[in-house]
Protein backbone atom coordinates (compact mmCIF):
# COMPACT_ATOMS: atom_id res chain seq x y z
CA MET A 1 -62.86 -49.65 6.16
CA LEU A 2 -66.44 -48.38 5.87
CA LEU A 3 -67.04 -45.75 8.55
CA ASP A 4 -69.82 -43.35 9.44
CA ALA A 5 -69.30 -39.65 9.97
CA LEU A 6 -68.40 -40.10 13.65
CA TYR A 7 -65.02 -41.41 12.47
CA ALA A 8 -64.25 -38.50 10.13
CA ASP A 9 -61.32 -37.67 12.38
CA GLN A 10 -57.67 -37.04 11.59
CA ASN A 11 -56.47 -39.68 14.08
CA VAL A 12 -58.68 -42.39 12.58
CA LEU A 13 -57.71 -41.50 9.01
CA ARG A 14 -54.02 -41.25 9.80
CA GLY A 15 -54.09 -44.61 11.55
CA ALA A 16 -55.71 -46.20 8.51
CA PHE A 17 -53.14 -44.72 6.13
CA GLU A 18 -50.23 -45.76 8.33
CA ASN A 19 -51.50 -49.34 8.08
CA GLN A 20 -52.04 -48.96 4.30
CA TRP A 21 -55.80 -49.51 4.65
CA ASN A 22 -58.18 -47.86 2.26
CA VAL A 23 -61.13 -46.10 3.85
CA ALA A 24 -64.53 -44.66 2.95
CA VAL A 25 -66.03 -42.27 5.51
CA THR A 26 -69.45 -40.63 5.35
CA PHE A 27 -68.83 -36.97 4.50
CA LEU A 28 -71.19 -34.39 6.06
CA ASP A 29 -71.08 -30.61 5.89
CA THR A 30 -72.13 -30.40 9.54
CA ASP A 31 -69.18 -32.44 10.82
CA MET A 32 -66.42 -31.04 8.62
CA PRO A 33 -67.71 -27.64 7.39
CA ALA A 34 -64.35 -26.22 6.28
CA LEU A 35 -63.41 -29.35 4.34
CA TRP A 36 -66.90 -29.55 2.84
CA ALA A 37 -66.65 -25.94 1.62
CA GLU A 38 -63.27 -26.66 0.06
CA ALA A 39 -64.70 -29.75 -1.66
CA GLN A 40 -67.53 -27.70 -3.16
CA ARG A 41 -65.03 -25.19 -4.56
CA LEU A 42 -62.98 -27.98 -6.12
CA LEU A 43 -66.11 -29.50 -7.66
CA LEU A 44 -66.77 -26.23 -9.50
CA LEU A 45 -63.26 -26.41 -10.92
CA SER A 46 -63.66 -30.02 -12.07
CA PRO A 47 -66.83 -30.22 -14.23
CA GLY A 48 -65.44 -33.12 -16.25
CA GLN A 49 -65.05 -35.39 -13.22
CA SER A 50 -68.59 -36.74 -13.36
CA ALA A 51 -70.67 -39.56 -14.80
CA THR A 52 -74.37 -40.33 -15.10
CA LEU A 53 -76.11 -43.69 -15.27
CA THR A 54 -79.73 -44.13 -16.38
CA LEU A 55 -81.59 -46.39 -13.97
CA PRO A 56 -83.42 -49.51 -15.26
CA LYS A 57 -86.67 -48.88 -17.16
CA GLY A 58 -85.87 -45.18 -17.35
CA GLU A 59 -86.93 -44.66 -13.73
CA GLY A 60 -84.38 -41.92 -13.16
CA THR A 61 -80.65 -41.30 -13.04
CA HIS A 62 -77.70 -41.96 -10.77
CA GLU A 63 -75.08 -39.22 -10.93
CA ILE A 64 -71.60 -39.23 -9.44
CA ARG A 65 -68.98 -36.48 -9.16
CA TRP A 66 -65.56 -36.72 -7.62
CA ILE A 67 -62.52 -34.69 -6.66
CA ASN A 68 -58.96 -35.48 -5.62
CA ASP A 69 -56.19 -33.64 -3.78
CA LEU A 70 -58.40 -32.58 -0.90
CA GLU A 71 -55.93 -31.65 1.83
CA TYR A 72 -56.85 -32.42 5.43
CA GLU A 73 -54.40 -32.21 8.35
CA GLY A 74 -51.44 -33.07 6.16
CA MET A 75 -53.25 -35.93 4.36
CA MET A 76 -54.51 -35.99 0.78
CA LEU A 77 -58.08 -37.28 0.43
CA SER A 78 -60.56 -37.75 -2.36
CA ALA A 79 -64.31 -37.28 -2.19
CA ILE A 80 -67.16 -38.78 -4.18
CA PHE A 81 -70.70 -37.36 -4.33
CA GLN A 82 -73.73 -39.34 -5.48
CA VAL A 83 -77.24 -38.18 -6.36
CA GLU A 84 -80.19 -40.36 -7.38
CA ARG A 85 -83.05 -38.60 -9.18
CA ASP A 86 -86.50 -39.70 -10.33
CA LYS A 87 -87.89 -39.23 -13.85
CA ALA A 88 -88.80 -35.62 -13.12
CA GLY A 89 -85.31 -34.80 -11.90
CA ASN A 90 -86.23 -34.61 -8.22
CA ILE A 91 -83.56 -35.76 -5.78
CA LEU A 92 -84.42 -39.07 -4.14
CA ARG A 93 -81.19 -39.81 -2.30
CA GLN A 94 -77.76 -38.28 -2.07
CA PHE A 95 -74.52 -39.44 -0.48
CA ALA A 96 -71.00 -38.14 0.00
CA HIS A 97 -67.91 -40.04 1.13
CA LEU A 98 -64.27 -39.31 1.78
CA VAL A 99 -61.91 -41.98 0.48
CA GLY A 100 -58.23 -42.57 0.92
CA ARG A 101 -57.14 -43.15 -2.69
CA PRO A 102 -57.37 -41.20 -5.96
CA ILE A 103 -60.54 -41.47 -8.06
CA ASP A 104 -60.67 -41.36 -11.85
CA SER A 105 -63.10 -42.30 -14.61
CA ARG A 106 -61.90 -45.92 -14.55
CA ASN A 107 -62.64 -46.61 -10.88
CA ALA A 108 -65.26 -43.98 -10.00
CA TRP A 109 -68.28 -46.31 -10.16
CA LYS A 110 -66.46 -48.98 -8.16
CA VAL A 111 -65.59 -46.41 -5.49
CA ALA A 112 -69.19 -45.19 -5.41
CA THR A 113 -70.56 -48.72 -5.04
CA ALA A 114 -68.05 -49.69 -2.36
CA SER A 115 -68.70 -46.52 -0.36
CA ARG A 116 -72.45 -47.17 -0.37
CA LEU A 117 -71.85 -50.53 1.34
CA ARG A 118 -71.71 -48.55 4.58
CA TRP A 119 -75.52 -48.45 4.29
CA ARG A 120 -75.64 -52.25 4.43
CA CYS A 121 -73.36 -52.34 7.49
CA GLU A 122 -75.75 -50.02 9.30
CA ASN A 123 -79.10 -51.39 8.16
CA GLU A 124 -78.36 -55.09 7.80
CA GLY A 125 -75.89 -55.24 10.66
CA PHE A 126 -76.22 -52.77 13.51
CA ASN A 127 -79.93 -52.10 12.97
CA VAL A 128 -80.71 -55.83 13.12
CA LEU A 129 -78.64 -56.20 16.28
CA LYS A 130 -80.46 -53.26 17.88
CA ASN A 131 -84.02 -53.87 16.70
CA GLY A 132 -84.14 -57.37 15.24
CA GLY A 133 -84.41 -59.37 18.44
CA PHE A 134 -80.79 -59.27 19.64
CA ALA A 135 -81.44 -56.21 21.85
CA LEU A 136 -77.98 -54.67 21.45
CA GLU A 137 -77.60 -51.65 23.72
CA HIS A 138 -74.74 -49.43 24.75
CA VAL A 139 -74.10 -50.81 28.23
CA TYR A 140 -74.46 -54.42 29.39
CA SER A 141 -71.85 -54.46 32.11
CA HIS A 142 -69.34 -52.23 33.87
CA ASN A 143 -66.85 -55.07 33.44
CA PRO A 144 -65.22 -54.62 30.00
CA VAL A 145 -64.35 -58.32 29.73
CA ALA A 146 -67.96 -59.34 30.40
CA ALA A 147 -69.25 -56.77 27.91
CA LYS A 148 -66.88 -58.03 25.20
CA GLY A 149 -67.84 -61.65 25.92
CA TYR A 150 -71.54 -60.87 25.66
CA LEU A 151 -71.03 -58.96 22.42
CA LEU A 152 -69.02 -61.85 20.95
CA LEU A 153 -71.87 -64.26 21.72
CA MET A 154 -74.36 -61.83 20.19
CA LEU A 155 -72.32 -61.50 16.99
CA SER A 156 -72.03 -65.29 16.82
CA ALA A 157 -75.82 -65.58 17.07
CA HIS A 158 -76.20 -62.99 14.32
CA LEU A 159 -73.80 -64.97 12.14
CA PHE A 160 -75.86 -68.13 12.64
CA GLN A 161 -79.00 -66.22 11.71
CA GLN A 162 -77.44 -64.99 8.46
CA LEU A 163 -76.23 -68.48 7.54
CA LEU A 164 -79.72 -69.84 8.11
CA THR A 165 -81.72 -67.13 6.38
CA ARG A 166 -79.36 -66.26 3.50
CA GLY A 167 -77.55 -69.53 2.84
CA ARG A 168 -78.69 -72.81 1.39
CA LEU A 169 -79.95 -73.86 4.80
CA GLY A 170 -82.68 -71.27 4.36
CA THR A 171 -84.43 -73.44 1.80
CA VAL A 172 -85.25 -76.04 4.46
CA PHE A 173 -85.27 -73.77 7.50
CA LYS A 174 -88.96 -72.81 7.35
CA ASP A 175 -90.15 -76.40 7.07
CA ALA A 176 -87.92 -77.51 9.95
CA PHE A 177 -88.51 -74.68 12.43
CA GLY A 178 -91.18 -72.32 11.15
CA THR A 179 -89.72 -69.21 12.80
CA LEU A 180 -86.40 -67.95 14.14
CA LEU A 181 -87.90 -67.96 17.64
CA ASN A 182 -88.62 -71.70 17.42
CA TYR A 183 -85.14 -72.29 16.10
CA GLY A 184 -83.65 -70.33 19.00
CA LYS A 185 -85.57 -72.34 21.58
CA LYS A 186 -84.51 -75.63 20.01
CA MET A 187 -80.90 -74.46 19.75
CA LEU A 188 -80.79 -73.52 23.45
CA THR A 189 -82.31 -76.84 24.42
CA ALA A 190 -79.80 -78.73 22.28
CA LEU A 191 -76.81 -76.81 23.62
CA ALA A 192 -77.91 -77.40 27.21
CA SER A 193 -78.73 -81.09 26.93
CA GLU A 194 -76.73 -82.47 24.00
CA PRO A 195 -73.08 -81.35 23.91
CA LEU A 196 -71.30 -81.71 20.59
CA PRO A 197 -69.36 -85.00 20.24
CA PRO A 198 -65.56 -84.58 20.21
CA ASP A 199 -65.20 -86.53 16.95
CA LEU A 200 -67.73 -84.44 15.01
CA ASP A 201 -66.86 -84.05 11.33
CA PRO A 202 -66.08 -80.47 10.22
CA PRO A 203 -68.97 -78.70 8.48
CA GLY A 204 -69.10 -78.35 4.73
CA GLN A 205 -69.28 -75.11 2.82
CA ILE A 206 -72.26 -72.78 3.31
CA ARG A 207 -72.66 -70.33 0.44
CA LEU A 208 -74.55 -67.08 1.01
CA CYS A 209 -77.12 -65.66 -1.37
CA THR A 210 -76.69 -61.92 -2.04
CA SER A 211 -79.91 -61.44 -3.99
């Protein structure tokens, strides 16, 4: 589970552990000041729990540090801290995450990479839904069933968009439709006037491009 700092809560974490789910939660000093202070003290006692990677073409460095045995409301957590620096040593970006399993030199980079995927959830998921034409807002209806139904349709539309723009279909999409707006208009027209035949063959595989 990749969660932002709003979910850095004992009930959320305990529920994840009870279900044997691993979790990475954005760790902020403003939301959990006591735990943050304890983590900083443990970092001073663990200078060897660190690693540095030189970025391509010598453009800077990516540093990680980690600690284990961070006690929080009866649970044992780990924390990983990441800092990206430019050639001059100036900080470009820094991140901190709480995770639910121990970190060591063998898995530290994997934990760091997985934790950073929260950024993709926010920027390539929620941000697109809010500002990329889907107009996601907090309240669509006072009826919870209607709100859930609308959100399900919105997520389905977002899934179609990703398949078209990131999958193999994207290679022919531009020639066929030009823009996503044109595609949307044609899709609505087709759905309204040409229902899918009951004997339609199942679709083949659509592979996504992660580049």
